[in-house]
Amino acid sequence: MLVGVTEASDLTRPGGPARQGARRVGVLTHMGRPAAIDAATRLIEGLYAAGIVSALPEDDLDQIDPRLSDAVTVLTKPVAADSGVELLVVLGGDGTILRGAEWVLSSDLPLLGVNLGHVGFLAEAESSEIDSIVERIVDHSWTEELRSTVQVTLRECEQGEVVWSSYAINEVSIEKAARERMLEVLVEVDGRPLSRWACDGVLLATPTGSTAYAFSAGGPVIWPGVDALLMVPLSAHALFARPLVLGPTSTVVIELIEASPTFGVVWCDGRRSAELRSGMEIEVRQGLHKLRLARLSEAPFTDRLVNKFGLRVEGWRGAAEAGRESVLQPQRAWSSP
């Protein structure tokens, strides 16, 4: 029996909300984890008690207690704009949230991340706050933050034939395929050559992705409100191989030159990939869609950095002097007392 499920008579009443055109909220999680199933069950139960039906991927429905059958319906990928789903709640870490973005990006629906992982930088709340999350959804009480994406196109250099295309929310990584060899790439920015690198790879990240792979590779953290594109060479054998912050409308082309000792692999958010061979180029530019992240807290990005990375701020006296709440004891403005 799953934790948090109420009596069957309360959940399977004939002609319930699922059959009366009730509000719909998408729910996506990693159903292979008991903690994820428990959190999803509590969320579905809370929403149903308020007359809201939860839409889940068809493969996930059999993981939900049968007594919740009237509380759920099928969620299709991508979520259609006219599906009636008003919000997608993703329970998991950043990887699961990036998977959830694939369901709503093209339909321009907001996504709310609930952390079940470790850092959960894209998440807005913790699984322990399910009750408060339900209240905010019921009241339509959330704001939205737009996050930029990048469009990725792989093509043959000579013929110009498009071989593959995709998008990324965090980053595009061009990585070497052979551990013992380096890639030889030529980098072009806005139609002009920038540099030629022998390297392990190159990252092109959005401000959202600046706290992910690019951060680990030595790139700067970019505030979400900054419209920019970040380029980070990976272990480049060159004097000029520093992270670069480019304009939001810049177009970057990276060509794997014929003399490259090995071929490469292009990854988008670590989820979608294609092979990059000599004589091919990858073009990265600002994406057509923006990810709508639902926000329940008005905490500034600085506080998010401090809280997510556990940064030391002891001794800061600004809060006491200004009469503001200290980030040493962060409180969510929306949490129930």
C-alpha atoms as a PDB file:
ATOM      1  CA  MET A   1       0.000   0.000   0.000  1.00  0.00           C
ATOM      2  CA  LEU A   2       1.369   3.426  -0.915  1.00  0.00           C
ATOM      3  CA  VAL A   3       1.905   6.017   1.774  1.00  0.00           C
ATOM      4  CA  GLY A   4      -0.641   8.804   2.089  1.00  0.00           C
ATOM      5  CA  VAL A   5      -3.579   7.169   0.281  1.00  0.00           C
ATOM      6  CA  THR A   6      -6.928   7.814   1.912  1.00  0.00           C
ATOM      7  CA  GLU A   7      -9.879   5.501   2.051  1.00  0.00           C
ATOM      8  CA  ALA A   8     -11.052   4.066  -1.272  1.00  0.00           C
ATOM      9  CA  SER A   9     -14.571   5.423  -0.807  1.00  0.00           C
ATOM     10  CA  ASP A  10     -13.166   8.963  -0.815  1.00  0.00           C
ATOM     11  CA  LEU A  11     -11.210   8.548  -4.041  1.00  0.00           C
ATOM     12  CA  THR A  12     -13.267   6.453  -6.430  1.00  0.00           C
ATOM     13  CA  ARG A  13     -16.640   8.076  -6.248  1.00  0.00           C
ATOM     14  CA  PRO A  14     -18.539   7.770  -9.570  1.00  0.00           C
ATOM     15  CA  GLY A  15     -18.741  10.896 -11.676  1.00  0.00           C
ATOM     16  CA  GLY A  16     -15.731  12.444  -9.913  1.00  0.00           C
ATOM     17  CA  PRO A  17     -13.783  15.447 -11.180  1.00  0.00           C
ATOM     18  CA  ALA A  18     -12.039  13.429 -13.930  1.00  0.00           C
ATOM     19  CA  ARG A  19     -15.445  13.031 -15.595  1.00  0.00           C
ATOM     20  CA  GLN A  20     -16.625  16.589 -15.106  1.00  0.00           C
ATOM     21  CA  GLY A  21     -14.044  18.599 -17.019  1.00  0.00           C
ATOM     22  CA  ALA A  22     -12.028  19.474 -13.913  1.00  0.00           C
ATOM     23  CA  ARG A  23      -8.779  21.420 -13.934  1.00  0.00           C
ATOM     24  CA  ARG A  24      -5.775  19.360 -15.004  1.00  0.00           C
ATOM     25  CA  VAL A  25      -2.175  19.389 -13.825  1.00  0.00           C
ATOM     26  CA  GLY A  26       0.538  17.209 -15.344  1.00  0.00           C
ATOM     27  CA  VAL A  27       2.684  15.115 -13.000  1.00  0.00           C
ATOM     28  CA  LEU A  28       6.008  13.629 -14.071  1.00  0.00           C
ATOM     29  CA  THR A  29       8.552  11.781 -11.967  1.00  0.00           C
ATOM     30  CA  HIS A  30      10.995   8.863 -11.898  1.00  0.00           C
ATOM     31  CA  MET A  31       8.675   5.964 -11.141  1.00  0.00           C
ATOM     32  CA  GLY A  32      11.576   3.616 -10.436  1.00  0.00           C
ATOM     33  CA  ARG A  33      12.139   5.250  -7.048  1.00  0.00           C
ATOM     34  CA  PRO A  34       9.842   4.535  -4.075  1.00  0.00           C
ATOM     35  CA  ALA A  35      10.335   8.089  -2.770  1.00  0.00           C
ATOM     36  CA  ALA A  36       9.191   9.464  -6.120  1.00  0.00           C
ATOM     37  CA  ILE A  37       6.082   7.267  -6.152  1.00  0.00           C
ATOM     38  CA  ASP A  38       5.253   8.349  -2.609  1.00  0.00           C
ATOM     39  CA  ALA A  39       5.662  12.052  -3.431  1.00  0.00           C
ATOM     40  CA  ALA A  40       3.599  11.700  -6.614  1.00  0.00           C
ATOM     41  CA  THR A  41       0.865   9.881  -4.700  1.00  0.00           C
ATOM     42  CA  ARG A  42       0.659  12.601  -2.056  1.00  0.00           C
ATOM     43  CA  LEU A  43       0.535  15.281  -4.734  1.00  0.00           C
ATOM     44  CA  ILE A  44      -2.166  13.501  -6.760  1.00  0.00           C
ATOM     45  CA  GLU A  45      -4.236  12.890  -3.651  1.00  0.00           C
ATOM     46  CA  GLY A  46      -3.982  16.507  -2.524  1.00  0.00           C
ATOM     47  CA  LEU A  47      -4.901  17.867  -5.944  1.00  0.00           C
ATOM     48  CA  TYR A  48      -7.839  15.479  -6.279  1.00  0.00           C
ATOM     49  CA  ALA A  49      -9.205  16.543  -2.910  1.00  0.00           C
ATOM     50  CA  ALA A  50      -9.339  20.066  -4.369  1.00  0.00           C
ATOM     51  CA  GLY A  51     -11.067  18.878  -7.543  1.00  0.00           C
ATOM     52  CA  ILE A  52      -7.974  18.842  -9.772  1.00  0.00           C
ATOM     53  CA  VAL A  53      -7.159  15.836 -11.964  1.00  0.00           C
ATOM     54  CA  SER A  54      -3.532  14.775 -12.436  1.00  0.00           C
ATOM     55  CA  ALA A  55      -2.317  13.806 -15.910  1.00  0.00           C
ATOM     56  CA  LEU A  56       0.480  11.207 -15.996  1.00  0.00           C
ATOM     57  CA  PRO A  57       2.373   9.437 -18.797  1.00  0.00           C
ATOM     58  CA  GLU A  58       0.556   6.231 -19.677  1.00  0.00           C
ATOM     59  CA  ASP A  59       3.513   4.069 -18.607  1.00  0.00           C
ATOM     60  CA  ASP A  60       3.382   5.609 -15.122  1.00  0.00           C
ATOM     61  CA  LEU A  61      -0.294   4.998 -14.430  1.00  0.00           C
ATOM     62  CA  ASP A  62       0.214   1.390 -13.328  1.00  0.00           C
ATOM     63  CA  GLN A  63       2.577   2.596 -10.570  1.00  0.00           C
ATOM     64  CA  ILE A  64      -0.194   4.612  -8.929  1.00  0.00           C
ATOM     65  CA  ASP A  65      -2.520   3.011  -6.379  1.00  0.00           C
ATOM     66  CA  PRO A  66      -5.651   1.717  -8.198  1.00  0.00           C
ATOM     67  CA  ARG A  67      -7.832   3.580  -5.728  1.00  0.00           C
ATOM     68  CA  LEU A  68      -6.625   6.800  -7.352  1.00  0.00           C
ATOM     69  CA  SER A  69      -7.904   5.763 -10.785  1.00  0.00           C
ATOM     70  CA  ASP A  70     -10.541   8.514 -10.883  1.00  0.00           C
ATOM     71  CA  ALA A  71      -7.921  11.088  -9.900  1.00  0.00           C
ATOM     72  CA  VAL A  72      -5.656  10.551 -12.909  1.00  0.00           C
ATOM     73  CA  THR A  73      -5.743  10.692 -16.682  1.00  0.00           C
ATOM     74  CA  VAL A  74      -3.226  10.171 -19.497  1.00  0.00           C
ATOM     75  CA  LEU A  75      -0.572  12.775 -20.333  1.00  0.00           C
ATOM     76  CA  THR A  76       0.703  12.732 -23.920  1.00  0.00           C
ATOM     77  CA  LYS A  77       4.123  13.891 -25.149  1.00  0.00           C
ATOM     78  CA  PRO A  78       4.468  16.663 -26.033  1.00  0.00           C
ATOM     79  CA  VAL A  79       1.630  18.110 -24.001  1.00  0.00           C
ATOM     80  CA  ALA A  80      -0.810  19.700 -26.439  1.00  0.00           C
ATOM     81  CA  ALA A  81      -1.561  23.367 -25.855  1.00  0.00           C
ATOM     82  CA  ASP A  82      -5.289  22.561 -25.958  1.00  0.00           C
ATOM     83  CA  SER A  83      -5.039  19.555 -23.607  1.00  0.00           C
ATOM     84  CA  GLY A  84      -6.430  21.497 -20.664  1.00  0.00           C
ATOM     85  CA  VAL A  85      -3.219  20.906 -18.671  1.00  0.00           C
ATOM     86  CA  GLU A  86      -2.299  24.215 -17.035  1.00  0.00           C
ATOM     87  CA  LEU A  87       0.966  23.262 -15.339  1.00  0.00           C
ATOM     88  CA  LEU A  88       3.470  20.379 -15.314  1.00  0.00           C
ATOM     89  CA  VAL A  89       4.811  19.415 -11.892  1.00  0.00           C
ATOM     90  CA  VAL A  90       8.078  17.482 -12.121  1.00  0.00           C
ATOM     91  CA  LEU A  91       9.217  15.542  -9.059  1.00  0.00           C
ATOM     92  CA  GLY A  92      12.910  14.728  -9.182  1.00  0.00           C
ATOM     93  CA  GLY A  93      16.376  16.147  -9.673  1.00  0.00           C
ATOM     94  CA  ASP A  94      17.595  18.443 -12.430  1.00  0.00           C
ATOM     95  CA  GLY A  95      17.829  15.541 -14.886  1.00  0.00           C
ATOM     96  CA  THR A  96      14.154  14.702 -14.426  1.00  0.00           C
ATOM     97  CA  ILE A  97      13.238  18.377 -14.716  1.00  0.00           C
ATOM     98  CA  LEU A  98      15.114  18.602 -18.029  1.00  0.00           C
ATOM     99  CA  ARG A  99      13.165  15.538 -19.161  1.00  0.00           C
ATOM    100  CA  GLY A 100       9.969  17.277 -18.139  1.00  0.00           C
ATOM    101  CA  ALA A 101      10.905  20.298 -20.234  1.00  0.00           C
ATOM    102  CA  GLU A 102      10.719  18.073 -23.322  1.00  0.00           C
ATOM    103  CA  TRP A 103       7.007  17.628 -22.590  1.00  0.00           C
ATOM    104  CA  VAL A 104       6.059  21.317 -22.356  1.00  0.00           C
ATOM    105  CA  LEU A 105       8.598  23.473 -24.190  1.00  0.00           C
ATOM    106  CA  SER A 106       6.871  23.490 -27.575  1.00  0.00           C
ATOM    107  CA  SER A 107       3.415  23.968 -26.030  1.00  0.00           C
ATOM    108  CA  ASP A 108       4.561  26.937 -23.913  1.00  0.00           C
ATOM    109  CA  LEU A 109       3.249  25.525 -20.619  1.00  0.00           C
ATOM    110  CA  PRO A 110       4.835  26.332 -17.233  1.00  0.00           C
ATOM    111  CA  LEU A 111       6.888  23.737 -15.348  1.00  0.00           C
ATOM    112  CA  LEU A 112       7.212  23.491 -11.577  1.00  0.00           C
ATOM    113  CA  GLY A 113      10.186  21.516 -10.263  1.00  0.00           C
ATOM    114  CA  VAL A 114       9.991  19.718  -6.909  1.00  0.00           C
ATOM    115  CA  ASN A 115      13.352  18.444  -5.728  1.00  0.00           C
ATOM    116  CA  LEU A 116      13.893  14.759  -4.988  1.00  0.00           C
ATOM    117  CA  GLY A 117      17.570  14.796  -5.916  1.00  0.00           C
ATOM    118  CA  HIS A 118      20.644  16.383  -4.383  1.00  0.00           C
ATOM    119  CA  VAL A 119      21.264  19.961  -5.538  1.00  0.00           C
ATOM    120  CA  GLY A 120      18.099  20.359  -7.597  1.00  0.00           C
ATOM    121  CA  PHE A 121      19.107  23.771  -8.909  1.00  0.00           C
ATOM    122  CA  LEU A 122      16.120  23.999 -11.251  1.00  0.00           C
ATOM    123  CA  ALA A 123      13.680  22.915  -8.547  1.00  0.00           C
ATOM    124  CA  GLU A 124      11.471  25.415  -6.767  1.00  0.00           C
ATOM    125  CA  ALA A 125      10.426  23.369  -3.729  1.00  0.00           C
ATOM    126  CA  GLU A 126      11.191  20.222  -1.758  1.00  0.00           C
ATOM    127  CA  SER A 127       9.073  17.074  -1.603  1.00  0.00           C
ATOM    128  CA  SER A 128       8.427  17.752   2.098  1.00  0.00           C
ATOM    129  CA  GLU A 129       6.384  20.788   1.026  1.00  0.00           C
ATOM    130  CA  ILE A 130       3.750  18.939  -1.008  1.00  0.00           C
ATOM    131  CA  ASP A 131       0.850  20.340   1.041  1.00  0.00           C
ATOM    132  CA  SER A 132       1.969  23.931   0.454  1.00  0.00           C
ATOM    133  CA  ILE A 133       2.551  23.193  -3.230  1.00  0.00           C
ATOM    134  CA  VAL A 134      -1.001  21.896  -3.581  1.00  0.00           C
ATOM    135  CA  GLU A 135      -2.370  25.053  -1.939  1.00  0.00           C
ATOM    136  CA  ARG A 136      -0.458  27.284  -4.342  1.00  0.00           C
ATOM    137  CA  ILE A 137      -1.622  25.301  -7.377  1.00  0.00           C
ATOM    138  CA  VAL A 138      -5.238  25.385  -6.217  1.00  0.00           C
ATOM    139  CA  ASP A 139      -5.027  29.175  -5.805  1.00  0.00           C
ATOM    140  CA  HIS A 140      -3.190  29.699  -9.127  1.00  0.00           C
ATOM    141  CA  SER A 141      -0.587  31.362  -6.930  1.00  0.00           C
ATOM    142  CA  TRP A 142       2.709  31.224  -8.763  1.00  0.00           C
ATOM    143  CA  THR A 143       4.830  33.519 -10.880  1.00  0.00           C
ATOM    144  CA  GLU A 144       6.791  32.544 -13.967  1.00  0.00           C
ATOM    145  CA  GLU A 145      10.399  33.016 -14.971  1.00  0.00           C
ATOM    146  CA  LEU A 146      11.392  32.689 -18.628  1.00  0.00           C
ATOM    147  CA  ARG A 147      14.590  30.768 -19.359  1.00  0.00           C
ATOM    148  CA  SER A 148      16.296  30.970 -22.742  1.00  0.00           C
ATOM    149  CA  THR A 149      17.131  27.939 -24.867  1.00  0.00           C
ATOM    150  CA  VAL A 150      19.496  27.328 -27.781  1.00  0.00           C
ATOM    151  CA  GLN A 151      18.780  25.821 -31.173  1.00  0.00           C
ATOM    152  CA  VAL A 152      21.327  23.277 -32.420  1.00  0.00           C
ATOM    153  CA  THR A 153      21.920  22.337 -36.067  1.00  0.00           C
ATOM    154  CA  LEU A 154      24.435  19.773 -37.334  1.00  0.00           C
ATOM    155  CA  ARG A 155      25.324  19.946 -41.027  1.00  0.00           C
ATOM    156  CA  GLU A 156      27.826  18.881 -43.664  1.00  0.00           C
ATOM    157  CA  CYS A 157      30.230  21.752 -44.343  1.00  0.00           C
ATOM    158  CA  GLU A 158      30.526  21.407 -48.121  1.00  0.00           C
ATOM    159  CA  GLN A 159      26.967  20.551 -49.128  1.00  0.00           C
ATOM    160  CA  GLY A 160      25.323  22.444 -46.286  1.00  0.00           C
ATOM    161  CA  GLU A 161      22.994  19.477 -45.762  1.00  0.00           C
ATOM    162  CA  VAL A 162      21.346  19.431 -42.338  1.00  0.00           C
ATOM    163  CA  VAL A 163      22.097  16.095 -40.682  1.00  0.00           C
ATOM    164  CA  TRP A 164      20.461  16.608 -37.286  1.00  0.00           C
ATOM    165  CA  SER A 165      18.836  19.315 -35.206  1.00  0.00           C
ATOM    166  CA  SER A 166      17.803  19.671 -31.581  1.00  0.00           C
ATOM    167  CA  TYR A 167      17.712  22.179 -28.730  1.00  0.00           C
ATOM    168  CA  ALA A 168      19.149  22.620 -25.256  1.00  0.00           C
ATOM    169  CA  ILE A 169      18.009  24.264 -22.050  1.00  0.00           C
ATOM    170  CA  ASN A 170      21.258  23.876 -20.109  1.00  0.00           C
ATOM    171  CA  GLU A 171      24.041  23.290 -22.584  1.00  0.00           C
ATOM    172  CA  VAL A 172      25.317  21.844 -25.832  1.00  0.00           C
ATOM    173  CA  SER A 173      28.525  19.884 -25.362  1.00  0.00           C
ATOM    174  CA  ILE A 174      30.853  18.877 -28.184  1.00  0.00           C
ATOM    175  CA  GLU A 175      33.042  16.118 -26.781  1.00  0.00           C
ATOM    176  CA  LYS A 176      35.783  13.871 -28.110  1.00  0.00           C
ATOM    177  CA  ALA A 177      34.829  10.275 -28.828  1.00  0.00           C
ATOM    178  CA  ALA A 178      38.238   8.721 -28.092  1.00  0.00           C
ATOM    179  CA  ARG A 179      39.725   9.157 -24.636  1.00  0.00           C
ATOM    180  CA  GLU A 180      43.352   9.114 -25.845  1.00  0.00           C
ATOM    181  CA  ARG A 181      42.922  11.765 -28.568  1.00  0.00           C
ATOM    182  CA  MET A 182      41.889  15.397 -28.864  1.00  0.00           C
ATOM    183  CA  LEU A 183      39.411  17.109 -31.123  1.00  0.00           C
ATOM    184  CA  GLU A 184      40.668  19.697 -33.598  1.00  0.00           C
ATOM    185  CA  VAL A 185      38.021  22.378 -33.970  1.00  0.00           C
ATOM    186  CA  LEU A 186      37.700  25.783 -35.602  1.00  0.00           C
ATOM    187  CA  VAL A 187      35.375  28.196 -33.810  1.00  0.00           C
ATOM    188  CA  GLU A 188      33.423  30.907 -35.603  1.00  0.00           C
ATOM    189  CA  VAL A 189      31.341  33.634 -33.936  1.00  0.00           C
ATOM    190  CA  ASP A 190      28.861  35.718 -35.929  1.00  0.00           C
ATOM    191  CA  GLY A 191      30.370  34.741 -39.254  1.00  0.00           C
ATOM    192  CA  ARG A 192      33.995  35.461 -38.289  1.00  0.00           C
ATOM    193  CA  PRO A 193      36.740  32.989 -37.257  1.00  0.00           C
ATOM    194  CA  LEU A 194      37.679  33.210 -33.577  1.00  0.00           C
ATOM    195  CA  SER A 195      40.223  30.497 -32.835  1.00  0.00           C
ATOM    196  CA  ARG A 196      41.347  26.963 -33.569  1.00  0.00           C
ATOM    197  CA  TRP A 197      41.623  24.605 -30.634  1.00  0.00           C
ATOM    198  CA  ALA A 198      42.971  21.145 -29.956  1.00  0.00           C
ATOM    199  CA  CYS A 199      40.772  20.224 -27.028  1.00  0.00           C
ATOM    200  CA  ASP A 200      38.646  17.667 -25.220  1.00  0.00           C
ATOM    201  CA  GLY A 201      35.556  19.560 -26.303  1.00  0.00           C
ATOM    202  CA  VAL A 202      33.581  22.792 -26.185  1.00  0.00           C
ATOM    203  CA  LEU A 203      30.513  23.752 -24.133  1.00  0.00           C
ATOM    204  CA  LEU A 204      27.894  26.274 -25.180  1.00  0.00           C
ATOM    205  CA  ALA A 205      25.608  27.048 -22.261  1.00  0.00           C
ATOM    206  CA  THR A 206      22.631  29.232 -21.444  1.00  0.00           C
ATOM    207  CA  PRO A 207      22.542  31.242 -18.194  1.00  0.00           C
ATOM    208  CA  THR A 208      20.471  28.353 -16.797  1.00  0.00           C
ATOM    209  CA  GLY A 209      23.248  25.925 -17.735  1.00  0.00           C
ATOM    210  CA  SER A 210      25.982  28.111 -16.264  1.00  0.00           C
ATOM    211  CA  THR A 211      25.469  26.397 -12.890  1.00  0.00           C
ATOM    212  CA  ALA A 212      25.640  22.906 -14.418  1.00  0.00           C
ATOM    213  CA  TYR A 213      28.335  21.317 -16.636  1.00  0.00           C
ATOM    214  CA  ALA A 214      29.818  24.713 -17.548  1.00  0.00           C
ATOM    215  CA  PHE A 215      30.250  25.530 -13.852  1.00  0.00           C
ATOM    216  CA  SER A 216      32.206  22.308 -13.304  1.00  0.00           C
ATOM    217  CA  ALA A 217      34.356  23.157 -16.338  1.00  0.00           C
ATOM    218  CA  GLY A 218      35.397  26.497 -14.849  1.00  0.00           C
ATOM    219  CA  GLY A 219      32.852  28.787 -16.473  1.00  0.00           C
ATOM    220  CA  PRO A 220      31.288  31.776 -14.708  1.00  0.00           C
ATOM    221  CA  VAL A 221      27.861  31.767 -13.101  1.00  0.00           C
ATOM    222  CA  ILE A 222      25.473  33.949 -15.120  1.00  0.00           C
ATOM    223  CA  TRP A 223      22.377  35.388 -13.456  1.00  0.00           C
ATOM    224  CA  PRO A 224      19.159  34.142 -15.111  1.00  0.00           C
ATOM    225  CA  GLY A 225      18.119  37.691 -15.962  1.00  0.00           C
ATOM    226  CA  VAL A 226      21.179  38.169 -18.161  1.00  0.00           C
ATOM    227  CA  ASP A 227      20.545  37.424 -21.832  1.00  0.00           C
ATOM    228  CA  ALA A 228      23.779  35.746 -22.938  1.00  0.00           C
ATOM    229  CA  LEU A 229      25.436  32.674 -24.418  1.00  0.00           C
ATOM    230  CA  LEU A 230      28.397  31.117 -22.617  1.00  0.00           C
ATOM    231  CA  MET A 231      31.232  29.297 -24.426  1.00  0.00           C
ATOM    232  CA  VAL A 232      33.668  27.178 -22.400  1.00  0.00           C
ATOM    233  CA  PRO A 233      36.582  25.286 -24.034  1.00  0.00           C
ATOM    234  CA  LEU A 234      37.305  21.944 -22.368  1.00  0.00           C
ATOM    235  CA  SER A 235      41.016  21.393 -21.673  1.00  0.00           C
ATOM    236  CA  ALA A 236      42.064  23.294 -24.799  1.00  0.00           C
ATOM    237  CA  HIS A 237      45.761  23.170 -25.742  1.00  0.00           C
ATOM    238  CA  ALA A 238      45.974  26.888 -26.558  1.00  0.00           C
ATOM    239  CA  LEU A 239      46.958  30.206 -24.987  1.00  0.00           C
ATOM    240  CA  PHE A 240      43.592  31.794 -25.757  1.00  0.00           C
ATOM    241  CA  ALA A 241      41.178  29.294 -24.286  1.00  0.00           C
ATOM    242  CA  ARG A 242      39.163  31.126 -21.677  1.00  0.00           C
ATOM    243  CA  PRO A 243      35.400  31.019 -21.094  1.00  0.00           C
ATOM    244  CA  LEU A 244      33.649  33.647 -23.204  1.00  0.00           C
ATOM    245  CA  VAL A 245      30.331  35.378 -22.567  1.00  0.00           C
ATOM    246  CA  LEU A 246      28.677  36.175 -25.902  1.00  0.00           C
ATOM    247  CA  GLY A 247      25.669  38.257 -26.817  1.00  0.00           C
ATOM    248  CA  PRO A 248      22.231  36.610 -26.828  1.00  0.00           C
ATOM    249  CA  THR A 249      21.874  36.929 -30.608  1.00  0.00           C
ATOM    250  CA  SER A 250      25.327  35.536 -31.386  1.00  0.00           C
ATOM    251  CA  THR A 251      25.606  32.542 -33.679  1.00  0.00           C
ATOM    252  CA  VAL A 252      28.430  30.109 -32.954  1.00  0.00           C
ATOM    253  CA  VAL A 253      29.669  27.579 -35.503  1.00  0.00           C
ATOM    254  CA  ILE A 254      32.143  24.892 -34.474  1.00  0.00           C
ATOM    255  CA  GLU A 255      33.715  22.904 -37.294  1.00  0.00           C
ATOM    256  CA  LEU A 256      35.497  19.619 -36.764  1.00  0.00           C
ATOM    257  CA  ILE A 257      38.326  20.057 -39.248  1.00  0.00           C
ATOM    258  CA  GLU A 258      39.534  17.311 -41.554  1.00  0.00           C
ATOM    259  CA  ALA A 259      42.808  16.905 -39.645  1.00  0.00           C
ATOM    260  CA  SER A 260      41.062  16.116 -36.359  1.00  0.00           C
ATOM    261  CA  PRO A 261      42.535  12.924 -34.838  1.00  0.00           C
ATOM    262  CA  THR A 262      39.119  11.687 -33.726  1.00  0.00           C
ATOM    263  CA  PHE A 263      35.441  12.332 -34.279  1.00  0.00           C
ATOM    264  CA  GLY A 264      33.179  13.931 -31.723  1.00  0.00           C
ATOM    265  CA  VAL A 265      29.773  13.561 -30.118  1.00  0.00           C
ATOM    266  CA  VAL A 266      27.268  16.387 -29.712  1.00  0.00           C
ATOM    267  CA  TRP A 267      25.107  16.219 -26.596  1.00  0.00           C
ATOM    268  CA  CYS A 268      22.124  18.423 -25.775  1.00  0.00           C
ATOM    269  CA  ASP A 269      21.451  18.545 -22.023  1.00  0.00           C
ATOM    270  CA  GLY A 270      23.121  15.139 -21.769  1.00  0.00           C
ATOM    271  CA  ARG A 271      19.947  13.585 -23.211  1.00  0.00           C
ATOM    272  CA  ARG A 272      20.011  13.874 -27.014  1.00  0.00           C
ATOM    273  CA  SER A 273      23.117  13.155 -29.075  1.00  0.00           C
ATOM    274  CA  ALA A 274      24.544  12.916 -32.584  1.00  0.00           C
ATOM    275  CA  GLU A 275      27.908  11.999 -34.055  1.00  0.00           C
ATOM    276  CA  LEU A 276      30.158  14.822 -35.260  1.00  0.00           C
ATOM    277  CA  ARG A 277      32.626  13.713 -37.950  1.00  0.00           C
ATOM    278  CA  SER A 278      35.371  15.534 -39.824  1.00  0.00           C
ATOM    279  CA  GLY A 279      33.915  17.926 -42.364  1.00  0.00           C
ATOM    280  CA  MET A 280      30.836  18.591 -40.228  1.00  0.00           C
ATOM    281  CA  GLU A 281      29.906  21.699 -38.284  1.00  0.00           C
ATOM    282  CA  ILE A 282      27.574  22.406 -35.418  1.00  0.00           C
ATOM    283  CA  GLU A 283      25.682  25.697 -35.309  1.00  0.00           C
ATOM    284  CA  VAL A 284      24.293  27.043 -32.038  1.00  0.00           C
ATOM    285  CA  ARG A 285      22.017  30.070 -31.800  1.00  0.00           C
ATOM    286  CA  GLN A 286      19.258  31.438 -29.611  1.00  0.00           C
ATOM    287  CA  GLY A 287      16.275  29.079 -29.458  1.00  0.00           C
ATOM    288  CA  LEU A 288      12.771  29.801 -30.671  1.00  0.00           C
ATOM    289  CA  HIS A 289      11.149  28.722 -27.403  1.00  0.00           C
ATOM    290  CA  LYS A 290      11.665  29.781 -23.803  1.00  0.00           C
ATOM    291  CA  LEU A 291      11.111  27.501 -20.832  1.00  0.00           C
ATOM    292  CA  ARG A 292       8.502  28.857 -18.422  1.00  0.00           C
ATOM    293  CA  LEU A 293       9.620  27.951 -14.893  1.00  0.00           C
ATOM    294  CA  ALA A 294       6.915  28.336 -12.251  1.00  0.00           C
ATOM    295  CA  ARG A 295       8.133  30.122  -9.140  1.00  0.00           C
ATOM    296  CA  LEU A 296       6.585  29.959  -5.672  1.00  0.00           C
ATOM    297  CA  SER A 297       9.200  32.050  -3.919  1.00  0.00           C
ATOM    298  CA  GLU A 298      10.422  35.586  -4.521  1.00  0.00           C
ATOM    299  CA  ALA A 299      13.908  34.754  -3.219  1.00  0.00           C
ATOM    300  CA  PRO A 300      16.626  36.418  -5.343  1.00  0.00           C
ATOM    301  CA  PHE A 301      19.096  34.342  -7.329  1.00  0.00           C
ATOM    302  CA  THR A 302      21.836  35.203  -4.823  1.00  0.00           C
ATOM    303  CA  ASP A 303      19.922  33.365  -2.098  1.00  0.00           C
ATOM    304  CA  ARG A 304      19.453  30.393  -4.413  1.00  0.00           C
ATOM    305  CA  LEU A 305      23.213  30.179  -4.953  1.00  0.00           C
ATOM    306  CA  VAL A 306      23.878  30.359  -1.212  1.00  0.00           C
ATOM    307  CA  ASN A 307      21.262  27.725  -0.378  1.00  0.00           C
ATOM    308  CA  LYS A 308      21.939  25.272  -3.210  1.00  0.00           C
ATOM    309  CA  PHE A 309      25.734  25.326  -2.921  1.00  0.00           C
ATOM    310  CA  GLY A 310      25.872  25.751   0.847  1.00  0.00           C
ATOM    311  CA  LEU A 311      28.007  28.892   0.544  1.00  0.00           C
ATOM    312  CA  ARG A 312      29.419  30.356   3.747  1.00  0.00           C
ATOM    313  CA  VAL A 313      28.058  33.813   4.542  1.00  0.00           C
ATOM    314  CA  GLU A 314      28.697  33.977   8.298  1.00  0.00           C
ATOM    315  CA  GLY A 315      29.484  37.480   9.452  1.00  0.00           C
ATOM    316  CA  TRP A 316      27.288  39.271   6.930  1.00  0.00           C
ATOM    317  CA  ARG A 317      25.522  42.080   8.775  1.00  0.00           C
ATOM    318  CA  GLY A 318      23.496  43.536   5.932  1.00  0.00           C
ATOM    319  CA  ALA A 319      20.241  41.873   7.008  1.00  0.00           C
ATOM    320  CA  ALA A 320      20.448  43.220  10.558  1.00  0.00           C
ATOM    321  CA  GLU A 321      21.338  46.713   9.386  1.00  0.00           C
ATOM    322  CA  ALA A 322      18.595  46.872   6.768  1.00  0.00           C
ATOM    323  CA  GLY A 323      15.981  45.038   8.827  1.00  0.00           C
ATOM    324  CA  ARG A 324      15.769  42.261   6.262  1.00  0.00           C
ATOM    325  CA  GLU A 325      15.601  38.519   6.765  1.00  0.00           C
ATOM    326  CA  SER A 326      19.023  36.882   6.911  1.00  0.00           C
ATOM    327  CA  VAL A 327      19.975  34.374   4.243  1.00  0.00           C
ATOM    328  CA  LEU A 328      21.520  32.346   7.040  1.00  0.00           C
ATOM    329  CA  GLN A 329      17.988  31.217   7.899  1.00  0.00           C
ATOM    330  CA  PRO A 330      16.120  31.374   4.585  1.00  0.00           C
ATOM    331  CA  GLN A 331      12.332  31.140   4.763  1.00  0.00           C
ATOM    332  CA  ARG A 332      10.028  30.610   1.811  1.00  0.00           C
ATOM    333  CA  ALA A 333       7.517  33.421   1.703  1.00  0.00           C
ATOM    334  CA  TRP A 334       4.832  31.002   0.557  1.00  0.00           C
ATOM    335  CA  SER A 335       5.317  28.241   3.149  1.00  0.00           C
ATOM    336  CA  SER A 336       2.529  27.457   5.550  1.00  0.00           C
ATOM    337  CA  PRO A 337       3.225  28.480   9.152  1.00  0.00           C
END
